[in-house]
Amino acid sequence: MASALGHANSSSEEDQALARHAALQGASSVEELIAMIPSDYRPVLREPLLKVASLTGKLVSTRRVLAGHVRHQTAGTYPAALSHKAPAIQLTAEYSSSAEAAAHRKSQEDAREVYLKTLLENTIRMKKDEVMFLQMSLAPEAAFKQLAPVVSAQTTAIMARTKVPIFGPEQEGGPPVLKSWADNVSAQILGTQVLNDCVHYSFRVQSIVEAREFSRESKVTAKKEIAKQADVEMADGTRPGPSIQSLIDKAVSARLKDLAKAPVKNTKQSKDGKKKKSPPAAKPKNPPKRYPSPPPRYLPAGGLRVPRIVKRKPTDSKKPSGSKQGKGKGK
């Protein structure tokens, strides 16, 4: 009977753990996952879980760098950070063209190549060790070693301030008697559940960060492919062809040839065979101004004198009307 009851309780605990883990699978961000942790343990687990997220991001970045170095090693090239040119040694013009100088330059280039290969191999080994170190820091054992003391300390603090009072039998007509204090069983069960789930919290944080980085890397790769296709299309569209100036010259030349071939016609023939005069030219909009010609010079007849024009002095309005007047010719 006792064994059957114990088996039923263990099955019930396993079902509850599976239900909690399934609920945690629905979190799509680290903050959403932290919000699903019980409120009594949320503040103390926030910083450790954010540290796990940071380490996971560093692990993904280190793996990407390591993969790039391995590709360079396979292709026989070197990363930009490791590409070092051989120092240029100043030589005289006479010695620089000799065979001995060429041999020295070749030995210098060979030494540079050996140095770069060795440097790349050491860098790859260093990155592999870094990836292994980060993986060990995020392993379940390391996660439990980091999170379990935090959860246990918080559980102890919660148990100390959530004691449950136990009252004894009441006396007739008297108040209840407090006999002792007992531990809060519900708080203890909650602490045990959080302790069991802390490793799963770390695992879910790692999964969320890796999915986010994978999505970001996929977008970057897609953008690079689109840019590459656009460069190919632009290269096809910029192939050499006839320039705009040559097209203009051809069009102008063809037009001038057509104008040269066309005859100039001043008159037109009507239906009865007679020539028809072309219409008069249109008057310009702004014709030049024409001034009248001066009158001909007056020449008197023979024996006559040219009449003399006598200018009269202006009369003064203050003088009386009987004042002297100018004499004319007949007086």
C-alpha atoms as a PDB file:
ATOM      1  CA  MET A   1       0.000   0.000   0.000  1.00  0.00           C
ATOM      2  CA  ALA A   2       2.787   2.404   0.960  1.00  0.00           C
ATOM      3  CA  SER A   3       4.824   1.525  -2.144  1.00  0.00           C
ATOM      4  CA  ALA A   4       1.801   2.095  -4.376  1.00  0.00           C
ATOM      5  CA  LEU A   5       1.165   5.484  -2.761  1.00  0.00           C
ATOM      6  CA  GLY A   6       4.799   6.464  -3.173  1.00  0.00           C
ATOM      7  CA  HIS A   7       4.727   5.452  -6.845  1.00  0.00           C
ATOM      8  CA  ALA A   8       1.592   7.538  -7.370  1.00  0.00           C
ATOM      9  CA  ASN A   9       3.205  10.561  -5.755  1.00  0.00           C
ATOM     10  CA  SER A  10       6.333  10.188  -7.881  1.00  0.00           C
ATOM     11  CA  SER A  11       4.225   9.927 -11.026  1.00  0.00           C
ATOM     12  CA  SER A  12       2.302  13.015 -10.003  1.00  0.00           C
ATOM     13  CA  GLU A  13       5.562  14.945  -9.439  1.00  0.00           C
ATOM     14  CA  GLU A  14       6.918  13.873 -12.820  1.00  0.00           C
ATOM     15  CA  ASP A  15       3.714  14.956 -14.530  1.00  0.00           C
ATOM     16  CA  GLN A  16       3.879  18.336 -12.802  1.00  0.00           C
ATOM     17  CA  ALA A  17       7.515  18.781 -13.831  1.00  0.00           C
ATOM     18  CA  LEU A  18       6.671  17.929 -17.446  1.00  0.00           C
ATOM     19  CA  ALA A  19       3.812  20.442 -17.388  1.00  0.00           C
ATOM     20  CA  ARG A  20       6.105  23.155 -16.032  1.00  0.00           C
ATOM     21  CA  HIS A  21       8.785  22.428 -18.621  1.00  0.00           C
ATOM     22  CA  ALA A  22       6.218  22.451 -21.429  1.00  0.00           C
ATOM     23  CA  ALA A  23       5.021  25.859 -20.254  1.00  0.00           C
ATOM     24  CA  LEU A  24       8.596  27.170 -20.287  1.00  0.00           C
ATOM     25  CA  GLN A  25       8.933  26.070 -23.916  1.00  0.00           C
ATOM     26  CA  GLY A  26       6.427  28.763 -24.870  1.00  0.00           C
ATOM     27  CA  ALA A  27       8.761  31.605 -23.843  1.00  0.00           C
ATOM     28  CA  SER A  28      10.148  33.397 -26.906  1.00  0.00           C
ATOM     29  CA  SER A  29      12.555  35.777 -25.119  1.00  0.00           C
ATOM     30  CA  VAL A  30      14.755  35.777 -22.043  1.00  0.00           C
ATOM     31  CA  GLU A  31      12.628  38.399 -20.313  1.00  0.00           C
ATOM     32  CA  GLU A  32       9.490  36.367 -20.956  1.00  0.00           C
ATOM     33  CA  LEU A  33      11.169  33.294 -19.468  1.00  0.00           C
ATOM     34  CA  ILE A  34      12.241  35.209 -16.352  1.00  0.00           C
ATOM     35  CA  ALA A  35       8.667  36.450 -15.953  1.00  0.00           C
ATOM     36  CA  MET A  36       7.481  32.807 -15.783  1.00  0.00           C
ATOM     37  CA  ILE A  37       9.662  32.044 -12.737  1.00  0.00           C
ATOM     38  CA  PRO A  38       7.809  32.181  -9.365  1.00  0.00           C
ATOM     39  CA  SER A  39       7.812  35.715  -8.038  1.00  0.00           C
ATOM     40  CA  ASP A  40       9.685  34.808  -4.823  1.00  0.00           C
ATOM     41  CA  TYR A  41      12.685  33.562  -6.849  1.00  0.00           C
ATOM     42  CA  ARG A  42      12.507  35.901  -9.830  1.00  0.00           C
ATOM     43  CA  PRO A  43      14.706  38.732  -8.423  1.00  0.00           C
ATOM     44  CA  VAL A  44      17.545  36.428  -7.323  1.00  0.00           C
ATOM     45  CA  LEU A  45      17.616  34.395 -10.557  1.00  0.00           C
ATOM     46  CA  ARG A  46      17.428  37.334 -12.947  1.00  0.00           C
ATOM     47  CA  GLU A  47      21.123  38.298 -12.923  1.00  0.00           C
ATOM     48  CA  PRO A  48      22.474  34.691 -13.165  1.00  0.00           C
ATOM     49  CA  LEU A  49      20.182  33.918 -16.101  1.00  0.00           C
ATOM     50  CA  LEU A  50      21.163  37.143 -17.903  1.00  0.00           C
ATOM     51  CA  LYS A  51      24.787  36.096 -17.427  1.00  0.00           C
ATOM     52  CA  VAL A  52      23.944  32.756 -19.036  1.00  0.00           C
ATOM     53  CA  ALA A  53      22.419  34.630 -21.982  1.00  0.00           C
ATOM     54  CA  SER A  54      25.561  36.736 -22.349  1.00  0.00           C
ATOM     55  CA  LEU A  55      27.831  33.682 -22.293  1.00  0.00           C
ATOM     56  CA  THR A  56      25.638  31.987 -24.896  1.00  0.00           C
ATOM     57  CA  GLY A  57      25.917  34.977 -27.210  1.00  0.00           C
ATOM     58  CA  LYS A  58      29.696  34.946 -26.819  1.00  0.00           C
ATOM     59  CA  LEU A  59      29.756  31.224 -27.564  1.00  0.00           C
ATOM     60  CA  VAL A  60      27.801  31.712 -30.796  1.00  0.00           C
ATOM     61  CA  SER A  61      30.087  34.564 -31.861  1.00  0.00           C
ATOM     62  CA  THR A  62      33.229  32.547 -31.111  1.00  0.00           C
ATOM     63  CA  ARG A  63      31.919  29.619 -33.130  1.00  0.00           C
ATOM     64  CA  ARG A  64      31.274  31.918 -36.080  1.00  0.00           C
ATOM     65  CA  VAL A  65      34.816  33.346 -35.927  1.00  0.00           C
ATOM     66  CA  LEU A  66      36.279  29.848 -35.659  1.00  0.00           C
ATOM     67  CA  ALA A  67      34.331  28.709 -38.714  1.00  0.00           C
ATOM     68  CA  GLY A  68      35.635  31.706 -40.671  1.00  0.00           C
ATOM     69  CA  HIS A  69      39.249  30.913 -39.743  1.00  0.00           C
ATOM     70  CA  VAL A  70      38.800  27.289 -40.786  1.00  0.00           C
ATOM     71  CA  ARG A  71      37.421  28.417 -44.163  1.00  0.00           C
ATOM     72  CA  HIS A  72      40.455  30.656 -44.666  1.00  0.00           C
ATOM     73  CA  GLN A  73      42.764  27.767 -43.798  1.00  0.00           C
ATOM     74  CA  THR A  74      41.022  25.502 -46.310  1.00  0.00           C
ATOM     75  CA  ALA A  75      41.125  28.111 -49.073  1.00  0.00           C
ATOM     76  CA  GLY A  76      44.757  29.062 -48.399  1.00  0.00           C
ATOM     77  CA  THR A  77      43.889  32.646 -47.509  1.00  0.00           C
ATOM     78  CA  TYR A  78      44.218  34.663 -44.322  1.00  0.00           C
ATOM     79  CA  PRO A  79      41.789  36.795 -42.296  1.00  0.00           C
ATOM     80  CA  ALA A  80      42.103  40.550 -42.504  1.00  0.00           C
ATOM     81  CA  ALA A  81      43.299  40.710 -38.889  1.00  0.00           C
ATOM     82  CA  LEU A  82      46.206  38.343 -39.683  1.00  0.00           C
ATOM     83  CA  SER A  83      47.230  39.729 -43.084  1.00  0.00           C
ATOM     84  CA  HIS A  84      50.615  41.382 -42.640  1.00  0.00           C
ATOM     85  CA  LYS A  85      52.755  42.560 -45.526  1.00  0.00           C
ATOM     86  CA  ALA A  86      56.447  41.884 -45.574  1.00  0.00           C
ATOM     87  CA  PRO A  87      58.477  44.957 -44.611  1.00  0.00           C
ATOM     88  CA  ALA A  88      59.765  46.876 -47.623  1.00  0.00           C
ATOM     89  CA  ILE A  89      63.541  47.047 -47.454  1.00  0.00           C
ATOM     90  CA  GLN A  90      65.041  50.000 -49.271  1.00  0.00           C
ATOM     91  CA  LEU A  91      67.663  48.875 -51.797  1.00  0.00           C
ATOM     92  CA  THR A  92      69.728  50.703 -54.328  1.00  0.00           C
ATOM     93  CA  ALA A  93      68.615  50.602 -57.943  1.00  0.00           C
ATOM     94  CA  GLU A  94      71.758  48.715 -59.017  1.00  0.00           C
ATOM     95  CA  TYR A  95      71.487  45.988 -56.371  1.00  0.00           C
ATOM     96  CA  SER A  96      67.676  45.715 -56.564  1.00  0.00           C
ATOM     97  CA  SER A  97      67.874  44.377 -60.132  1.00  0.00           C
ATOM     98  CA  SER A  98      70.439  41.691 -59.276  1.00  0.00           C
ATOM     99  CA  ALA A  99      69.771  37.985 -58.769  1.00  0.00           C
ATOM    100  CA  GLU A 100      70.948  38.096 -55.154  1.00  0.00           C
ATOM    101  CA  ALA A 101      68.342  40.737 -54.276  1.00  0.00           C
ATOM    102  CA  ALA A 102      65.608  38.642 -55.924  1.00  0.00           C
ATOM    103  CA  ALA A 103      66.692  35.595 -53.867  1.00  0.00           C
ATOM    104  CA  HIS A 104      66.566  37.631 -50.660  1.00  0.00           C
ATOM    105  CA  ARG A 105      63.092  38.935 -51.493  1.00  0.00           C
ATOM    106  CA  LYS A 106      61.868  35.386 -52.157  1.00  0.00           C
ATOM    107  CA  SER A 107      63.287  34.110 -48.849  1.00  0.00           C
ATOM    108  CA  GLN A 108      61.646  37.018 -47.063  1.00  0.00           C
ATOM    109  CA  GLU A 109      58.275  36.234 -48.679  1.00  0.00           C
ATOM    110  CA  ASP A 110      58.642  32.532 -47.798  1.00  0.00           C
ATOM    111  CA  ALA A 111      59.357  33.429 -44.169  1.00  0.00           C
ATOM    112  CA  ARG A 112      56.278  35.654 -44.149  1.00  0.00           C
ATOM    113  CA  GLU A 113      54.143  32.812 -45.549  1.00  0.00           C
ATOM    114  CA  VAL A 114      55.391  30.388 -42.887  1.00  0.00           C
ATOM    115  CA  TYR A 115      54.724  32.978 -40.188  1.00  0.00           C
ATOM    116  CA  LEU A 116      51.142  33.574 -41.383  1.00  0.00           C
ATOM    117  CA  LYS A 117      50.385  29.841 -41.583  1.00  0.00           C
ATOM    118  CA  THR A 118      51.721  29.276 -38.074  1.00  0.00           C
ATOM    119  CA  LEU A 119      49.820  32.275 -36.768  1.00  0.00           C
ATOM    120  CA  LEU A 120      46.558  31.049 -38.335  1.00  0.00           C
ATOM    121  CA  GLU A 121      47.017  27.541 -36.901  1.00  0.00           C
ATOM    122  CA  ASN A 122      47.654  28.933 -33.419  1.00  0.00           C
ATOM    123  CA  THR A 123      44.609  31.205 -33.720  1.00  0.00           C
ATOM    124  CA  ILE A 124      42.402  28.254 -34.667  1.00  0.00           C
ATOM    125  CA  ARG A 125      43.640  26.232 -31.692  1.00  0.00           C
ATOM    126  CA  MET A 126      43.044  29.208 -29.416  1.00  0.00           C
ATOM    127  CA  LYS A 127      39.475  29.634 -30.671  1.00  0.00           C
ATOM    128  CA  LYS A 128      38.759  25.921 -30.272  1.00  0.00           C
ATOM    129  CA  ASP A 129      39.890  26.054 -26.647  1.00  0.00           C
ATOM    130  CA  GLU A 130      37.734  29.144 -26.106  1.00  0.00           C
ATOM    131  CA  VAL A 131      34.680  27.368 -27.515  1.00  0.00           C
ATOM    132  CA  MET A 132      35.324  24.391 -25.248  1.00  0.00           C
ATOM    133  CA  PHE A 133      35.708  26.666 -22.200  1.00  0.00           C
ATOM    134  CA  LEU A 134      32.409  28.436 -22.913  1.00  0.00           C
ATOM    135  CA  GLN A 135      30.640  25.131 -23.481  1.00  0.00           C
ATOM    136  CA  MET A 136      31.877  23.839 -20.127  1.00  0.00           C
ATOM    137  CA  SER A 137      30.692  27.069 -18.473  1.00  0.00           C
ATOM    138  CA  LEU A 138      27.192  26.490 -19.875  1.00  0.00           C
ATOM    139  CA  ALA A 139      27.023  22.760 -19.171  1.00  0.00           C
ATOM    140  CA  PRO A 140      24.207  21.473 -16.908  1.00  0.00           C
ATOM    141  CA  GLU A 141      26.663  20.728 -14.103  1.00  0.00           C
ATOM    142  CA  ALA A 142      28.033  24.267 -14.195  1.00  0.00           C
ATOM    143  CA  ALA A 143      24.525  25.732 -14.351  1.00  0.00           C
ATOM    144  CA  PHE A 144      23.381  23.733 -11.312  1.00  0.00           C
ATOM    145  CA  LYS A 145      26.564  24.665  -9.430  1.00  0.00           C
ATOM    146  CA  GLN A 146      25.880  28.336 -10.100  1.00  0.00           C
ATOM    147  CA  LEU A 147      22.104  28.459  -9.577  1.00  0.00           C
ATOM    148  CA  ALA A 148      21.516  25.903  -6.815  1.00  0.00           C
ATOM    149  CA  PRO A 149      23.138  27.931  -3.984  1.00  0.00           C
ATOM    150  CA  VAL A 150      21.083  30.971  -4.971  1.00  0.00           C
ATOM    151  CA  VAL A 151      17.838  28.984  -4.923  1.00  0.00           C
ATOM    152  CA  SER A 152      18.688  27.234  -1.633  1.00  0.00           C
ATOM    153  CA  ALA A 153      19.542  30.514   0.107  1.00  0.00           C
ATOM    154  CA  GLN A 154      16.294  32.095  -1.091  1.00  0.00           C
ATOM    155  CA  THR A 155      14.298  29.055   0.038  1.00  0.00           C
ATOM    156  CA  THR A 156      15.839  29.234   3.512  1.00  0.00           C
ATOM    157  CA  ALA A 157      14.973  32.925   3.758  1.00  0.00           C
ATOM    158  CA  ILE A 158      11.388  32.296   2.638  1.00  0.00           C
ATOM    159  CA  MET A 159      10.975  29.390   5.100  1.00  0.00           C
ATOM    160  CA  ALA A 160      12.216  31.542   7.970  1.00  0.00           C
ATOM    161  CA  ARG A 161       9.670  34.304   7.404  1.00  0.00           C
ATOM    162  CA  THR A 162       6.677  32.138   6.475  1.00  0.00           C
ATOM    163  CA  LYS A 163       6.315  29.926   9.556  1.00  0.00           C
ATOM    164  CA  VAL A 164       2.884  28.426  10.152  1.00  0.00           C
ATOM    165  CA  PRO A 165       1.439  28.665  13.698  1.00  0.00           C
ATOM    166  CA  ILE A 166       0.099  25.519  15.422  1.00  0.00           C
ATOM    167  CA  PHE A 167      -2.648  26.011  18.004  1.00  0.00           C
ATOM    168  CA  GLY A 168      -3.601  23.602  20.781  1.00  0.00           C
ATOM    169  CA  PRO A 169      -7.066  22.625  21.987  1.00  0.00           C
ATOM    170  CA  GLU A 170      -9.106  25.567  23.147  1.00  0.00           C
ATOM    171  CA  GLN A 171     -10.228  25.866  26.739  1.00  0.00           C
ATOM    172  CA  GLU A 172     -13.853  26.304  27.440  1.00  0.00           C
ATOM    173  CA  GLY A 173     -14.716  29.935  26.783  1.00  0.00           C
ATOM    174  CA  GLY A 174     -11.050  30.928  26.286  1.00  0.00           C
ATOM    175  CA  PRO A 175      -8.941  31.969  23.291  1.00  0.00           C
ATOM    176  CA  PRO A 176      -6.962  29.434  21.224  1.00  0.00           C
ATOM    177  CA  VAL A 177      -3.598  28.467  22.632  1.00  0.00           C
ATOM    178  CA  LEU A 178      -0.484  28.775  20.413  1.00  0.00           C
ATOM    179  CA  LYS A 179       1.598  25.687  20.955  1.00  0.00           C
ATOM    180  CA  SER A 180       4.421  25.961  18.341  1.00  0.00           C
ATOM    181  CA  TRP A 181       5.502  27.019  14.851  1.00  0.00           C
ATOM    182  CA  ALA A 182       5.855  24.712  11.876  1.00  0.00           C
ATOM    183  CA  ASP A 183       7.555  25.073   8.511  1.00  0.00           C
ATOM    184  CA  ASN A 184       5.518  26.253   5.543  1.00  0.00           C
ATOM    185  CA  VAL A 185       5.067  23.090   3.504  1.00  0.00           C
ATOM    186  CA  SER A 186       3.893  24.915   0.370  1.00  0.00           C
ATOM    187  CA  ALA A 187       6.980  27.160   0.440  1.00  0.00           C
ATOM    188  CA  GLN A 188       9.192  24.129   0.853  1.00  0.00           C
ATOM    189  CA  ILE A 189       7.541  22.356  -2.093  1.00  0.00           C
ATOM    190  CA  LEU A 190       7.895  25.480  -4.257  1.00  0.00           C
ATOM    191  CA  GLY A 191      11.596  25.759  -3.374  1.00  0.00           C
ATOM    192  CA  THR A 192      12.158  22.127  -4.326  1.00  0.00           C
ATOM    193  CA  GLN A 193      10.417  22.662  -7.665  1.00  0.00           C
ATOM    194  CA  VAL A 194      12.504  25.754  -8.472  1.00  0.00           C
ATOM    195  CA  LEU A 195      15.685  23.876  -7.494  1.00  0.00           C
ATOM    196  CA  ASN A 196      14.748  21.071  -9.863  1.00  0.00           C
ATOM    197  CA  ASP A 197      13.877  23.506 -12.669  1.00  0.00           C
ATOM    198  CA  CYS A 198      16.871  25.853 -12.405  1.00  0.00           C
ATOM    199  CA  VAL A 199      18.907  23.796 -14.874  1.00  0.00           C
ATOM    200  CA  HIS A 200      15.960  23.849 -17.268  1.00  0.00           C
ATOM    201  CA  TYR A 201      15.860  27.638 -16.958  1.00  0.00           C
ATOM    202  CA  SER A 202      19.480  27.793 -18.087  1.00  0.00           C
ATOM    203  CA  PHE A 203      18.804  25.419 -20.973  1.00  0.00           C
ATOM    204  CA  ARG A 204      15.848  27.464 -22.203  1.00  0.00           C
ATOM    205  CA  VAL A 205      17.875  30.686 -22.052  1.00  0.00           C
ATOM    206  CA  GLN A 206      20.593  29.096 -24.182  1.00  0.00           C
ATOM    207  CA  SER A 207      18.028  27.844 -26.703  1.00  0.00           C
ATOM    208  CA  ILE A 208      16.361  31.267 -26.986  1.00  0.00           C
ATOM    209  CA  VAL A 209      19.666  33.102 -27.537  1.00  0.00           C
ATOM    210  CA  GLU A 210      20.905  30.560 -30.092  1.00  0.00           C
ATOM    211  CA  ALA A 211      17.622  30.804 -32.035  1.00  0.00           C
ATOM    212  CA  ARG A 212      17.839  34.610 -32.001  1.00  0.00           C
ATOM    213  CA  GLU A 213      21.446  34.596 -33.247  1.00  0.00           C
ATOM    214  CA  PHE A 214      20.619  32.049 -35.933  1.00  0.00           C
ATOM    215  CA  SER A 215      17.753  34.215 -37.185  1.00  0.00           C
ATOM    216  CA  ARG A 216      19.985  37.300 -37.224  1.00  0.00           C
ATOM    217  CA  GLU A 217      22.745  35.469 -39.104  1.00  0.00           C
ATOM    218  CA  SER A 218      20.232  34.167 -41.645  1.00  0.00           C
ATOM    219  CA  LYS A 219      19.040  37.723 -42.326  1.00  0.00           C
ATOM    220  CA  VAL A 220      22.615  38.940 -42.808  1.00  0.00           C
ATOM    221  CA  THR A 221      23.332  36.073 -45.216  1.00  0.00           C
ATOM    222  CA  ALA A 222      20.156  36.804 -47.178  1.00  0.00           C
ATOM    223  CA  LYS A 223      21.077  40.508 -47.449  1.00  0.00           C
ATOM    224  CA  LYS A 224      24.534  39.587 -48.722  1.00  0.00           C
ATOM    225  CA  GLU A 225      23.016  37.320 -51.381  1.00  0.00           C
ATOM    226  CA  ILE A 226      20.633  40.074 -52.498  1.00  0.00           C
ATOM    227  CA  ALA A 227      23.509  42.572 -52.685  1.00  0.00           C
ATOM    228  CA  LYS A 228      25.555  40.076 -54.691  1.00  0.00           C
ATOM    229  CA  GLN A 229      22.726  39.527 -57.174  1.00  0.00           C
ATOM    230  CA  ALA A 230      22.224  43.289 -57.470  1.00  0.00           C
ATOM    231  CA  ASP A 231      25.929  43.754 -58.235  1.00  0.00           C
ATOM    232  CA  VAL A 232      25.701  41.122 -60.986  1.00  0.00           C
ATOM    233  CA  GLU A 233      22.653  42.812 -62.515  1.00  0.00           C
ATOM    234  CA  MET A 234      24.344  46.218 -62.362  1.00  0.00           C
ATOM    235  CA  ALA A 235      27.417  44.752 -64.054  1.00  0.00           C
ATOM    236  CA  ASP A 236      25.205  43.407 -66.866  1.00  0.00           C
ATOM    237  CA  GLY A 237      23.518  46.786 -67.253  1.00  0.00           C
ATOM    238  CA  THR A 238      26.778  48.730 -67.429  1.00  0.00           C
ATOM    239  CA  ARG A 239      28.383  46.848 -70.302  1.00  0.00           C
ATOM    240  CA  PRO A 240      30.040  49.084 -72.940  1.00  0.00           C
ATOM    241  CA  GLY A 241      27.699  50.288 -75.691  1.00  0.00           C
ATOM    242  CA  PRO A 242      27.047  53.323 -77.874  1.00  0.00           C
ATOM    243  CA  SER A 243      27.471  56.559 -75.991  1.00  0.00           C
ATOM    244  CA  ILE A 244      24.786  59.235 -75.845  1.00  0.00           C
ATOM    245  CA  GLN A 245      27.004  61.696 -77.731  1.00  0.00           C
ATOM    246  CA  SER A 246      27.467  59.285 -80.644  1.00  0.00           C
ATOM    247  CA  LEU A 247      23.706  58.739 -80.851  1.00  0.00           C
ATOM    248  CA  ILE A 248      23.127  62.515 -80.941  1.00  0.00           C
ATOM    249  CA  ASP A 249      25.760  62.967 -83.657  1.00  0.00           C
ATOM    250  CA  LYS A 250      24.167  60.278 -85.813  1.00  0.00           C
ATOM    251  CA  ALA A 251      20.703  61.828 -85.451  1.00  0.00           C
ATOM    252  CA  VAL A 252      21.963  65.326 -86.348  1.00  0.00           C
ATOM    253  CA  SER A 253      23.901  64.021 -89.350  1.00  0.00           C
ATOM    254  CA  ALA A 254      20.863  62.157 -90.695  1.00  0.00           C
ATOM    255  CA  ARG A 255      18.702  65.250 -90.310  1.00  0.00           C
ATOM    256  CA  LEU A 256      21.193  67.446 -92.155  1.00  0.00           C
ATOM    257  CA  LYS A 257      21.338  64.970 -95.034  1.00  0.00           C
ATOM    258  CA  ASP A 258      17.538  65.059 -95.354  1.00  0.00           C
ATOM    259  CA  LEU A 259      17.554  68.866 -95.441  1.00  0.00           C
ATOM    260  CA  ALA A 260      20.280  68.921 -98.086  1.00  0.00           C
ATOM    261  CA  LYS A 261      18.353  66.541-100.372  1.00  0.00           C
ATOM    262  CA  ALA A 262      15.069  68.510-100.190  1.00  0.00           C
ATOM    263  CA  PRO A 263      14.787  71.151-103.105  1.00  0.00           C
ATOM    264  CA  VAL A 264      13.916  74.787-102.341  1.00  0.00           C
ATOM    265  CA  LYS A 265      10.520  75.683-103.942  1.00  0.00           C
ATOM    266  CA  ASN A 266       9.509  79.374-104.277  1.00  0.00           C
ATOM    267  CA  THR A 267       6.427  78.828-106.481  1.00  0.00           C
ATOM    268  CA  LYS A 268       3.774  76.211-106.740  1.00  0.00           C
ATOM    269  CA  GLN A 269       1.801  75.001-109.763  1.00  0.00           C
ATOM    270  CA  SER A 270      -1.957  75.082-109.723  1.00  0.00           C
ATOM    271  CA  LYS A 271      -4.236  72.523-111.280  1.00  0.00           C
ATOM    272  CA  ASP A 272      -4.392  74.395-114.663  1.00  0.00           C
ATOM    273  CA  GLY A 273      -0.607  74.273-115.068  1.00  0.00           C
ATOM    274  CA  LYS A 274       0.054  77.927-114.214  1.00  0.00           C
ATOM    275  CA  LYS A 275       2.608  78.838-111.647  1.00  0.00           C
ATOM    276  CA  LYS A 276       1.237  79.997-108.405  1.00  0.00           C
ATOM    277  CA  LYS A 277       3.093  82.651-106.530  1.00  0.00           C
ATOM    278  CA  SER A 278       4.148  81.806-103.082  1.00  0.00           C
ATOM    279  CA  PRO A 279       2.374  83.725-100.375  1.00  0.00           C
ATOM    280  CA  PRO A 280       4.082  86.903 -99.173  1.00  0.00           C
ATOM    281  CA  ALA A 281       6.395  86.569 -96.291  1.00  0.00           C
ATOM    282  CA  ALA A 282       4.886  87.245 -92.953  1.00  0.00           C
ATOM    283  CA  LYS A 283       5.642  90.579 -91.406  1.00  0.00           C
ATOM    284  CA  PRO A 284       7.907  90.510 -88.441  1.00  0.00           C
ATOM    285  CA  LYS A 285       6.339  91.017 -85.086  1.00  0.00           C
ATOM    286  CA  ASN A 286       8.578  93.966 -84.161  1.00  0.00           C
ATOM    287  CA  PRO A 287       9.383  95.891 -87.418  1.00  0.00           C
ATOM    288  CA  PRO A 288      12.091  98.581 -87.230  1.00  0.00           C
ATOM    289  CA  LYS A 289      10.911 102.160 -86.712  1.00  0.00           C
ATOM    290  CA  ARG A 290      10.887 104.471 -89.773  1.00  0.00           C
ATOM    291  CA  TYR A 291      11.271 108.189 -89.306  1.00  0.00           C
ATOM    292  CA  PRO A 292       9.735 110.731 -91.893  1.00  0.00           C
ATOM    293  CA  SER A 293      12.137 112.301 -94.366  1.00  0.00           C
ATOM    294  CA  PRO A 294      12.867 116.050 -93.839  1.00  0.00           C
ATOM    295  CA  PRO A 295      10.968 118.587 -96.052  1.00  0.00           C
ATOM    296  CA  PRO A 296      12.720 119.948 -99.208  1.00  0.00           C
ATOM    297  CA  ARG A 297      14.634 123.208 -98.941  1.00  0.00           C
ATOM    298  CA  TYR A 298      12.667 126.343 -99.860  1.00  0.00           C
ATOM    299  CA  LEU A 299      14.069 128.046-102.992  1.00  0.00           C
ATOM    300  CA  PRO A 300      12.408 131.410-103.925  1.00  0.00           C
ATOM    301  CA  ALA A 301      11.703 132.482-107.485  1.00  0.00           C
ATOM    302  CA  GLY A 302      14.118 134.716-109.382  1.00  0.00           C
ATOM    303  CA  GLY A 303      14.321 138.345-108.225  1.00  0.00           C
ATOM    304  CA  LEU A 304      12.613 137.619-104.918  1.00  0.00           C
ATOM    305  CA  ARG A 305      14.199 137.694-101.557  1.00  0.00           C
ATOM    306  CA  VAL A 306      13.749 135.071 -98.907  1.00  0.00           C
ATOM    307  CA  PRO A 307      11.242 136.369 -96.440  1.00  0.00           C
ATOM    308  CA  ARG A 308      12.765 137.232 -93.120  1.00  0.00           C
ATOM    309  CA  ILE A 309      11.102 135.909 -90.044  1.00  0.00           C
ATOM    310  CA  VAL A 310      10.769 138.551 -87.391  1.00  0.00           C
ATOM    311  CA  LYS A 311      10.618 137.347 -83.875  1.00  0.00           C
ATOM    312  CA  ARG A 312       8.341 139.374 -81.653  1.00  0.00           C
ATOM    313  CA  LYS A 313       9.409 140.181 -78.152  1.00  0.00           C
ATOM    314  CA  PRO A 314       7.168 138.878 -75.435  1.00  0.00           C
ATOM    315  CA  THR A 315       4.795 141.513 -74.159  1.00  0.00           C
ATOM    316  CA  ASP A 316       4.897 142.502 -70.531  1.00  0.00           C
ATOM    317  CA  SER A 317       1.500 142.328 -68.890  1.00  0.00           C
ATOM    318  CA  LYS A 318       2.375 145.240 -66.581  1.00  0.00           C
ATOM    319  CA  LYS A 319       2.980 147.739 -69.433  1.00  0.00           C
ATOM    320  CA  PRO A 320       0.036 149.678 -70.834  1.00  0.00           C
ATOM    321  CA  SER A 321      -1.485 148.658 -74.114  1.00  0.00           C
ATOM    322  CA  GLY A 322      -0.109 151.778 -75.875  1.00  0.00           C
ATOM    323  CA  SER A 323       3.526 150.703 -75.539  1.00  0.00           C
ATOM    324  CA  LYS A 324       5.870 150.517 -78.482  1.00  0.00           C
ATOM    325  CA  GLN A 325       5.542 147.581 -80.808  1.00  0.00           C
ATOM    326  CA  GLY A 326       8.008 146.133 -83.183  1.00  0.00           C
ATOM    327  CA  LYS A 327       7.968 147.558 -86.724  1.00  0.00           C
ATOM    328  CA  GLY A 328       7.169 145.313 -89.575  1.00  0.00           C
ATOM    329  CA  LYS A 329       8.417 145.463 -93.168  1.00  0.00           C
ATOM    330  CA  GLY A 330       5.513 147.520 -94.555  1.00  0.00           C
ATOM    331  CA  LYS A 331       5.890 150.394 -92.043  1.00  0.00           C
END
